[in-house]
C-alpha cells in the first residue's frame, strides 16, 4: 500500500527538487532518533534551529534561509489538504502564496483596466 504522506508530483520536477521535497517531508514526519534517511537528522536540526534562532532568515541566518527554502519548495508543490500535511509551516506558506497570487492578478487586471 502506498504511503499517504508521499506525494506524486508527476514528471514536472527535477530529480534534485524531488529529493529536496522528499527530504523535508520525511524529516517533518520522522521521529526516529537514529534515522538513516539521507540528511534527515540535519534537516530536523535545521527546523529546530529555525524555531529558536534570534537572527532569522530576515536577518540573514544561513541556516534559517536554508530551511525556509526547503519549506517554501514543499509548500509550493504540496497537494495535500491543509489538515493532512504536517510539514512545518506548510499551511501558512500556502496562504502567503495564495495571497501573493491574488495580489499579482489584481495588479494585472488594474494595468489592463487603467491603461493610459
Protein backbone atom coordinates (compact mmCIF):
# COMPACT_ATOMS: atom_id res chain seq x y z
CA UNK A 1 0.00 0.00 0.00
CA UNK A 2 1.29 3.49 -0.86
CA UNK A 3 2.33 5.87 1.91
CA UNK A 4 -0.39 8.60 2.03
CA UNK A 5 2.20 11.18 3.11
CA UNK A 6 4.30 10.70 -0.03
CA UNK A 7 3.01 12.85 -2.85
CA UNK A 8 3.29 12.20 -6.56
CA UNK A 9 4.39 15.32 -8.42
CA UNK A 10 4.44 13.76 -11.88
CA UNK A 11 7.34 14.33 -14.23
CA UNK A 12 7.43 18.12 -13.97
CA UNK A 13 10.09 18.35 -11.25
CA UNK A 14 13.81 17.74 -11.49
CA UNK A 15 15.33 14.84 -9.58
CA UNK A 16 17.08 17.26 -7.21
CA UNK A 17 13.82 19.11 -6.48
CA UNK A 18 12.05 15.81 -5.81
CA UNK A 19 14.83 14.80 -3.43
CA UNK A 20 14.58 18.08 -1.54
CA UNK A 21 10.81 17.81 -1.23
CA UNK A 22 11.08 14.16 -0.13
CA UNK A 23 13.69 15.16 2.45
CA UNK A 24 11.64 17.93 4.06
CA UNK A 25 8.52 15.73 4.04
CA UNK A 26 10.39 12.83 5.60
CA UNK A 27 12.09 14.99 8.22
CA UNK A 28 8.76 16.56 9.17
CA UNK A 29 7.17 13.18 9.90
CA UNK A 30 10.19 11.24 11.17
CA UNK A 31 10.56 10.57 14.88
CA UNK A 32 13.40 8.05 14.70
CA UNK A 33 16.35 9.15 16.82
CA UNK A 34 18.93 7.38 14.68
CA UNK A 35 17.28 7.79 11.28
CA UNK A 36 19.37 6.70 8.30
CA UNK A 37 17.36 8.61 5.67
CA UNK A 38 19.97 10.84 3.97
CA UNK A 39 20.18 14.23 5.74
CA UNK A 40 17.06 13.63 7.86
CA UNK A 41 18.77 14.46 11.14
CA UNK A 42 20.39 17.54 9.60
CA UNK A 43 17.05 18.90 8.37
CA UNK A 44 15.32 18.14 11.66
CA UNK A 45 18.11 20.06 13.40
CA UNK A 46 17.61 22.97 10.96
CA UNK A 47 13.87 23.02 11.70
CA UNK A 48 14.58 23.15 15.44
CA UNK A 49 17.20 25.84 14.84
CA UNK A 50 14.66 27.96 12.94
CA UNK A 51 12.33 27.85 15.92
CA UNK A 52 14.96 29.19 18.33
CA UNK A 53 17.10 31.46 16.13
CA UNK A 54 17.21 35.11 17.17
CA UNK A 55 18.57 36.29 13.81
CA UNK A 56 16.13 34.51 11.49
CA UNK A 57 16.09 34.45 7.72
CA UNK A 58 15.23 38.17 7.63
CA UNK A 59 18.47 38.85 9.48
CA UNK A 60 20.46 36.71 7.09
CA UNK A 61 20.94 33.49 9.10
CA UNK A 62 22.15 30.98 6.52
CA UNK A 63 20.66 28.01 8.39
CA UNK A 64 17.24 29.67 8.59
CA UNK A 65 17.41 30.61 4.91
CA UNK A 66 18.26 27.02 4.02
CA UNK A 67 15.32 25.54 5.92
CA UNK A 68 12.90 28.23 4.71
CA UNK A 69 13.89 27.47 1.11
CA UNK A 70 13.06 23.79 1.68
CA UNK A 71 9.77 24.61 3.39
CA UNK A 72 8.72 27.02 0.62
CA UNK A 73 9.64 24.46 -2.02
CA UNK A 74 7.48 21.87 -0.31
CA UNK A 75 4.53 24.24 0.14
CA UNK A 76 4.70 25.32 -3.49
CA UNK A 77 4.18 21.74 -4.66
CA UNK A 78 2.13 20.28 -1.78
CA UNK A 79 -1.21 18.90 -2.92
CA UNK A 80 -2.36 17.56 0.43
CA UNK A 81 -5.29 19.25 2.17
CA UNK A 82 -4.06 21.64 4.85
CA UNK A 83 -5.35 19.48 7.69
CA UNK A 84 -3.41 16.44 6.42
CA UNK A 85 0.01 17.96 5.76
CA UNK A 86 2.26 18.06 8.79
CA UNK A 87 5.27 19.68 7.15
CA UNK A 88 6.30 22.63 9.28
CA UNK A 89 4.62 25.91 8.19
CA UNK A 90 3.06 24.37 5.07
CA UNK A 91 -0.41 25.82 5.65
CA UNK A 92 0.92 29.30 6.40
CA UNK A 93 3.22 29.28 3.38
CA UNK A 94 0.37 28.13 1.12
CA UNK A 95 -1.76 31.01 2.43
CA UNK A 96 1.00 33.54 1.77
CA UNK A 97 1.48 32.17 -1.73
CA UNK A 98 -2.27 32.36 -2.40
CA UNK A 99 -2.41 35.99 -1.22
CA UNK A 100 0.58 36.89 -3.38
CA UNK A 101 -1.06 35.24 -6.39
CA UNK A 102 -4.28 37.18 -5.82
CA UNK A 103 -2.38 40.47 -5.48
CA UNK A 104 -0.50 39.79 -8.71
CA UNK A 105 -3.76 39.07 -10.54
CA UNK A 106 -5.36 42.23 -9.16
CA UNK A 107 -2.32 44.20 -10.30
CA UNK A 108 -2.54 42.69 -13.79
CA UNK A 109 -6.26 43.49 -14.02
CA UNK A 110 -5.67 47.07 -12.87
CA UNK A 111 -3.00 47.52 -15.50
CA UNK A 112 -5.40 46.34 -18.18
CA UNK A 113 -8.31 48.45 -16.92
CA UNK A 114 -6.38 51.64 -16.28
CA UNK A 115 -4.05 51.78 -19.25
CA UNK A 116 -3.36 55.31 -20.30
